[in-house]
Amino acid sequence: MIVGNGIDVVRIDRISLNLSKKILTEREKKIYDGLKTEERKREFLAGRFAAKEAFFKAIGSGIRSNSFLDVSILDDELGKPFLLVEKDFNLLFNYAYVSISHDFVAVASVILEKLKGGTITGSDPNFCEVVRILDDDFYELDCDIPPFELQALLKRQNIELIKYGNIWEAKYFEH
């Protein structure tokens, strides 16, 4: 079920490179710093700005008490953008569709979805039963709870959530 939808448009020629200090997370800065031209850096900034604005519109709050640093927009290995939340927004979505396009403007759309799946609750001592081993290094989590609640549950099972968004990466650790 779709639980949020946001869109934003930004003129690229209005973007200052100084904006990078205000809107990019550390993960995004690593990508930004690797871009070769000012033109490409402006496109990147405009796209991230528009995508973050679209996300805040999708959650229904706007930027208000949030920060652009609360959300990272990263790319998968094929260049498709995905959302990584950096704080607990206490929201009930578990999948985000992100699309960014730019020419003389940057346009971004964010759709938040609540997918059906196995339910994990804090009172369920067997929540790891919904973890399916895909191979020695990857596990698939089938759940429909907010990411920060899942992160707390995994930590209690000695599993560290390294990154999440549309892709979950977990690592076992020892005390």
C-alpha atoms as a PDB file:
ATOM      1  CA  MET A   1       0.000   0.000   0.000  1.00  0.00           C
ATOM      2  CA  ILE A   2       1.322   3.456  -0.903  1.00  0.00           C
ATOM      3  CA  VAL A   3       1.643   5.550   2.273  1.00  0.00           C
ATOM      4  CA  GLY A   4       3.410   8.625   0.901  1.00  0.00           C
ATOM      5  CA  ASN A   5       4.226  10.392  -2.341  1.00  0.00           C
ATOM      6  CA  GLY A   6       6.363  13.488  -2.878  1.00  0.00           C
ATOM      7  CA  ILE A   7       7.842  15.346  -5.825  1.00  0.00           C
ATOM      8  CA  ASP A   8      10.125  18.368  -6.127  1.00  0.00           C
ATOM      9  CA  VAL A   9      11.726  20.419  -8.919  1.00  0.00           C
ATOM     10  CA  VAL A  10      14.874  22.572  -8.636  1.00  0.00           C
ATOM     11  CA  ARG A  11      16.534  24.786 -11.254  1.00  0.00           C
ATOM     12  CA  ILE A  12      20.149  23.635 -11.478  1.00  0.00           C
ATOM     13  CA  ASP A  13      21.490  27.125 -12.278  1.00  0.00           C
ATOM     14  CA  ARG A  14      20.235  28.327  -8.867  1.00  0.00           C
ATOM     15  CA  ILE A  15      22.349  25.753  -6.984  1.00  0.00           C
ATOM     16  CA  SER A  16      25.488  26.970  -5.222  1.00  0.00           C
ATOM     17  CA  LEU A  17      28.306  24.524  -4.593  1.00  0.00           C
ATOM     18  CA  ASN A  18      28.321  25.784  -0.975  1.00  0.00           C
ATOM     19  CA  LEU A  19      25.008  23.957  -0.554  1.00  0.00           C
ATOM     20  CA  SER A  20      26.987  20.710  -0.293  1.00  0.00           C
ATOM     21  CA  LYS A  21      27.925  21.563   3.306  1.00  0.00           C
ATOM     22  CA  LYS A  22      24.277  21.936   4.315  1.00  0.00           C
ATOM     23  CA  ILE A  23      22.524  19.060   2.566  1.00  0.00           C
ATOM     24  CA  LEU A  24      24.986  16.213   1.966  1.00  0.00           C
ATOM     25  CA  THR A  25      25.615  13.453   4.491  1.00  0.00           C
ATOM     26  CA  GLU A  26      29.106  11.983   4.827  1.00  0.00           C
ATOM     27  CA  ARG A  27      28.129   9.103   2.524  1.00  0.00           C
ATOM     28  CA  GLU A  28      26.909  11.541  -0.129  1.00  0.00           C
ATOM     29  CA  LYS A  29      29.991  13.772   0.221  1.00  0.00           C
ATOM     30  CA  LYS A  30      32.204  10.843  -0.764  1.00  0.00           C
ATOM     31  CA  ILE A  31      30.310  10.553  -4.053  1.00  0.00           C
ATOM     32  CA  TYR A  32      30.180  14.337  -4.555  1.00  0.00           C
ATOM     33  CA  ASP A  33      33.931  14.751  -3.980  1.00  0.00           C
ATOM     34  CA  GLY A  34      34.614  12.205  -6.728  1.00  0.00           C
ATOM     35  CA  LEU A  35      32.709  14.186  -9.377  1.00  0.00           C
ATOM     36  CA  LYS A  36      35.005  15.859 -11.895  1.00  0.00           C
ATOM     37  CA  THR A  37      33.191  19.003 -13.078  1.00  0.00           C
ATOM     38  CA  GLU A  38      31.282  21.833 -11.425  1.00  0.00           C
ATOM     39  CA  GLU A  39      28.379  21.153 -13.783  1.00  0.00           C
ATOM     40  CA  ARG A  40      28.125  17.544 -12.618  1.00  0.00           C
ATOM     41  CA  LYS A  41      28.447  18.647  -8.967  1.00  0.00           C
ATOM     42  CA  ARG A  42      25.559  21.120  -9.409  1.00  0.00           C
ATOM     43  CA  GLU A  43      23.415  18.397 -11.007  1.00  0.00           C
ATOM     44  CA  PHE A  44      24.226  16.053  -8.129  1.00  0.00           C
ATOM     45  CA  LEU A  45      23.396  18.698  -5.494  1.00  0.00           C
ATOM     46  CA  ALA A  46      20.173  19.696  -7.233  1.00  0.00           C
ATOM     47  CA  GLY A  47      19.101  16.068  -7.542  1.00  0.00           C
ATOM     48  CA  ARG A  48      19.826  15.294  -3.876  1.00  0.00           C
ATOM     49  CA  PHE A  49      18.120  18.499  -2.741  1.00  0.00           C
ATOM     50  CA  ALA A  50      15.016  17.690  -4.808  1.00  0.00           C
ATOM     51  CA  ALA A  51      14.944  14.046  -3.648  1.00  0.00           C
ATOM     52  CA  LYS A  52      15.199  15.014   0.021  1.00  0.00           C
ATOM     53  CA  GLU A  53      12.479  17.647  -0.381  1.00  0.00           C
ATOM     54  CA  ALA A  54      10.330  15.006  -2.107  1.00  0.00           C
ATOM     55  CA  PHE A  55      10.940  12.591   0.802  1.00  0.00           C
ATOM     56  CA  PHE A  56       9.901  15.182   3.396  1.00  0.00           C
ATOM     57  CA  LYS A  57       6.772  15.871   1.359  1.00  0.00           C
ATOM     58  CA  ALA A  58       6.076  12.115   1.151  1.00  0.00           C
ATOM     59  CA  ILE A  59       6.229  11.720   4.939  1.00  0.00           C
ATOM     60  CA  GLY A  60       3.845  14.656   5.253  1.00  0.00           C
ATOM     61  CA  SER A  61       5.960  16.913   7.457  1.00  0.00           C
ATOM     62  CA  GLY A  62       8.026  18.957   5.058  1.00  0.00           C
ATOM     63  CA  ILE A  63      11.478  19.950   6.299  1.00  0.00           C
ATOM     64  CA  ARG A  64      10.191  21.579   9.551  1.00  0.00           C
ATOM     65  CA  SER A  65      11.916  19.781  12.437  1.00  0.00           C
ATOM     66  CA  ASN A  66      13.981  17.619  10.105  1.00  0.00           C
ATOM     67  CA  SER A  67      17.351  18.172   8.498  1.00  0.00           C
ATOM     68  CA  PHE A  68      18.656  17.374   5.037  1.00  0.00           C
ATOM     69  CA  LEU A  69      21.337  15.395   6.906  1.00  0.00           C
ATOM     70  CA  ASP A  70      18.644  13.017   8.235  1.00  0.00           C
ATOM     71  CA  VAL A  71      18.400  11.301   4.837  1.00  0.00           C
ATOM     72  CA  SER A  72      20.973  10.020   2.359  1.00  0.00           C
ATOM     73  CA  ILE A  73      20.172   9.439  -1.292  1.00  0.00           C
ATOM     74  CA  LEU A  74      22.677   6.884  -2.560  1.00  0.00           C
ATOM     75  CA  ASP A  75      23.008   4.878  -5.754  1.00  0.00           C
ATOM     76  CA  ASP A  76      23.086   1.113  -6.145  1.00  0.00           C
ATOM     77  CA  GLU A  77      25.657  -0.586  -8.381  1.00  0.00           C
ATOM     78  CA  LEU A  78      23.560   0.195 -11.465  1.00  0.00           C
ATOM     79  CA  GLY A  79      23.160   3.881 -10.582  1.00  0.00           C
ATOM     80  CA  LYS A  80      19.563   3.618  -9.338  1.00  0.00           C
ATOM     81  CA  PRO A  81      19.003   5.955  -6.382  1.00  0.00           C
ATOM     82  CA  PHE A  82      17.787   4.597  -3.067  1.00  0.00           C
ATOM     83  CA  LEU A  83      16.890   6.136   0.260  1.00  0.00           C
ATOM     84  CA  LEU A  84      18.820   5.640   3.495  1.00  0.00           C
ATOM     85  CA  VAL A  85      17.238   7.231   6.566  1.00  0.00           C
ATOM     86  CA  GLU A  86      19.734   8.442   9.138  1.00  0.00           C
ATOM     87  CA  LYS A  87      17.237   8.972  11.984  1.00  0.00           C
ATOM     88  CA  ASP A  88      14.071   7.398  13.299  1.00  0.00           C
ATOM     89  CA  PHE A  89      11.167   9.147  11.603  1.00  0.00           C
ATOM     90  CA  ASN A  90       8.770   6.763  13.403  1.00  0.00           C
ATOM     91  CA  LEU A  91       7.125   5.980  10.095  1.00  0.00           C
ATOM     92  CA  LEU A  92       5.377   2.900   8.853  1.00  0.00           C
ATOM     93  CA  PHE A  93       6.974   2.361   5.459  1.00  0.00           C
ATOM     94  CA  ASN A  94       9.464  -0.282   4.522  1.00  0.00           C
ATOM     95  CA  TYR A  95      10.170   0.446   0.881  1.00  0.00           C
ATOM     96  CA  ALA A  96      10.988   3.673  -0.924  1.00  0.00           C
ATOM     97  CA  TYR A  97      11.008   4.302  -4.659  1.00  0.00           C
ATOM     98  CA  VAL A  98      13.291   7.189  -5.621  1.00  0.00           C
ATOM     99  CA  SER A  99      13.655   8.668  -9.081  1.00  0.00           C
ATOM    100  CA  ILE A 100      15.870  11.623 -10.032  1.00  0.00           C
ATOM    101  CA  SER A 101      16.205  13.255 -13.439  1.00  0.00           C
ATOM    102  CA  HIS A 102      18.050  16.386 -14.490  1.00  0.00           C
ATOM    103  CA  ASP A 103      18.547  18.584 -17.507  1.00  0.00           C
ATOM    104  CA  PHE A 104      18.255  22.315 -16.787  1.00  0.00           C
ATOM    105  CA  VAL A 105      16.133  21.362 -13.767  1.00  0.00           C
ATOM    106  CA  ALA A 106      16.391  18.473 -11.342  1.00  0.00           C
ATOM    107  CA  VAL A 107      13.163  16.584 -10.704  1.00  0.00           C
ATOM    108  CA  ALA A 108      12.806  13.978  -7.984  1.00  0.00           C
ATOM    109  CA  SER A 109       9.979  11.715  -6.935  1.00  0.00           C
ATOM    110  CA  VAL A 110       9.748   9.623  -3.774  1.00  0.00           C
ATOM    111  CA  ILE A 111       7.021   7.048  -3.204  1.00  0.00           C
ATOM    112  CA  LEU A 112       6.827   5.316   0.167  1.00  0.00           C
ATOM    113  CA  GLU A 113       5.216   1.924   0.386  1.00  0.00           C
ATOM    114  CA  LYS A 114       4.139  -0.355   3.209  1.00  0.00           C
ATOM    115  CA  LEU A 115       4.701  -3.845   1.840  1.00  0.00           C
ATOM    116  CA  LYS A 116       2.962  -6.845   3.307  1.00  0.00           C
ATOM    117  CA  GLY A 117       5.248  -9.419   4.813  1.00  0.00           C
ATOM    118  CA  GLY A 118       6.054 -11.375   7.917  1.00  0.00           C
ATOM    119  CA  THR A 119       5.556  -9.300  11.029  1.00  0.00           C
ATOM    120  CA  ILE A 120       8.364  -8.855  13.523  1.00  0.00           C
ATOM    121  CA  THR A 121       7.399  -7.472  16.913  1.00  0.00           C
ATOM    122  CA  GLY A 122       9.495  -6.630  19.938  1.00  0.00           C
ATOM    123  CA  SER A 123       7.692  -9.307  21.962  1.00  0.00           C
ATOM    124  CA  ASP A 124       8.419 -12.055  19.438  1.00  0.00           C
ATOM    125  CA  PRO A 125      11.500 -13.957  20.706  1.00  0.00           C
ATOM    126  CA  ASN A 126      11.774 -15.878  17.429  1.00  0.00           C
ATOM    127  CA  PHE A 127      11.871 -12.873  15.115  1.00  0.00           C
ATOM    128  CA  CYS A 128      14.987 -14.203  13.396  1.00  0.00           C
ATOM    129  CA  GLU A 129      12.869 -16.974  11.888  1.00  0.00           C
ATOM    130  CA  VAL A 130      11.876 -14.506   9.183  1.00  0.00           C
ATOM    131  CA  VAL A 131      15.518 -14.224   8.121  1.00  0.00           C
ATOM    132  CA  ARG A 132      16.146 -16.343   5.035  1.00  0.00           C
ATOM    133  CA  ILE A 133      19.757 -17.188   4.239  1.00  0.00           C
ATOM    134  CA  LEU A 134      20.421 -16.372   0.593  1.00  0.00           C
ATOM    135  CA  ASP A 135      24.086 -17.418   0.727  1.00  0.00           C
ATOM    136  CA  ASP A 136      26.954 -17.252   3.226  1.00  0.00           C
ATOM    137  CA  ASP A 137      26.998 -13.452   3.350  1.00  0.00           C
ATOM    138  CA  PHE A 138      23.463 -12.296   2.554  1.00  0.00           C
ATOM    139  CA  TYR A 139      20.163 -12.650   4.390  1.00  0.00           C
ATOM    140  CA  GLU A 140      16.722 -11.513   3.353  1.00  0.00           C
ATOM    141  CA  LEU A 141      14.522  -9.944   6.036  1.00  0.00           C
ATOM    142  CA  ASP A 142      10.793 -10.232   5.498  1.00  0.00           C
ATOM    143  CA  CYS A 143       9.178  -7.814   7.904  1.00  0.00           C
ATOM    144  CA  ASP A 144       7.004  -4.761   8.083  1.00  0.00           C
ATOM    145  CA  ILE A 145       8.297  -2.744  11.009  1.00  0.00           C
ATOM    146  CA  PRO A 146      10.147   0.579  10.897  1.00  0.00           C
ATOM    147  CA  PRO A 147      13.910   0.281  10.248  1.00  0.00           C
ATOM    148  CA  PHE A 148      15.003   1.671  13.628  1.00  0.00           C
ATOM    149  CA  GLU A 149      12.850  -0.832  15.523  1.00  0.00           C
ATOM    150  CA  LEU A 150      14.333  -3.604  13.390  1.00  0.00           C
ATOM    151  CA  GLN A 151      17.815  -2.282  14.089  1.00  0.00           C
ATOM    152  CA  ALA A 152      17.218  -2.527  17.863  1.00  0.00           C
ATOM    153  CA  LEU A 153      15.847  -6.055  17.524  1.00  0.00           C
ATOM    154  CA  LEU A 154      18.808  -7.175  15.438  1.00  0.00           C
ATOM    155  CA  LYS A 155      21.282  -5.658  17.892  1.00  0.00           C
ATOM    156  CA  ARG A 156      19.800  -7.789  20.665  1.00  0.00           C
ATOM    157  CA  GLN A 157      20.579 -10.827  18.480  1.00  0.00           C
ATOM    158  CA  ASN A 158      24.200  -9.699  17.885  1.00  0.00           C
ATOM    159  CA  ILE A 159      23.451  -8.566  14.349  1.00  0.00           C
ATOM    160  CA  GLU A 160      24.575  -5.109  13.279  1.00  0.00           C
ATOM    161  CA  LEU A 161      22.533  -3.379  10.599  1.00  0.00           C
ATOM    162  CA  ILE A 162      25.112  -1.729   8.382  1.00  0.00           C
ATOM    163  CA  LYS A 163      22.914  -0.114   5.778  1.00  0.00           C
ATOM    164  CA  TYR A 164      19.301  -0.264   4.838  1.00  0.00           C
ATOM    165  CA  GLY A 165      16.868   1.286   2.443  1.00  0.00           C
ATOM    166  CA  ASN A 166      15.789  -1.051  -0.264  1.00  0.00           C
ATOM    167  CA  ILE A 167      18.801  -3.224   0.534  1.00  0.00           C
ATOM    168  CA  TRP A 168      19.558  -4.608   3.994  1.00  0.00           C
ATOM    169  CA  GLU A 169      23.084  -5.571   4.938  1.00  0.00           C
ATOM    170  CA  ALA A 170      23.626  -7.275   8.280  1.00  0.00           C
ATOM    171  CA  LYS A 171      26.777  -8.476  10.022  1.00  0.00           C
ATOM    172  CA  TYR A 172      27.087 -10.726  13.067  1.00  0.00           C
ATOM    173  CA  PHE A 173      29.260  -9.405  15.880  1.00  0.00           C
ATOM    174  CA  GLU A 174      30.491 -10.845  19.167  1.00  0.00           C
ATOM    175  CA  HIS A 175      30.347  -9.114  22.538  1.00  0.00           C
END
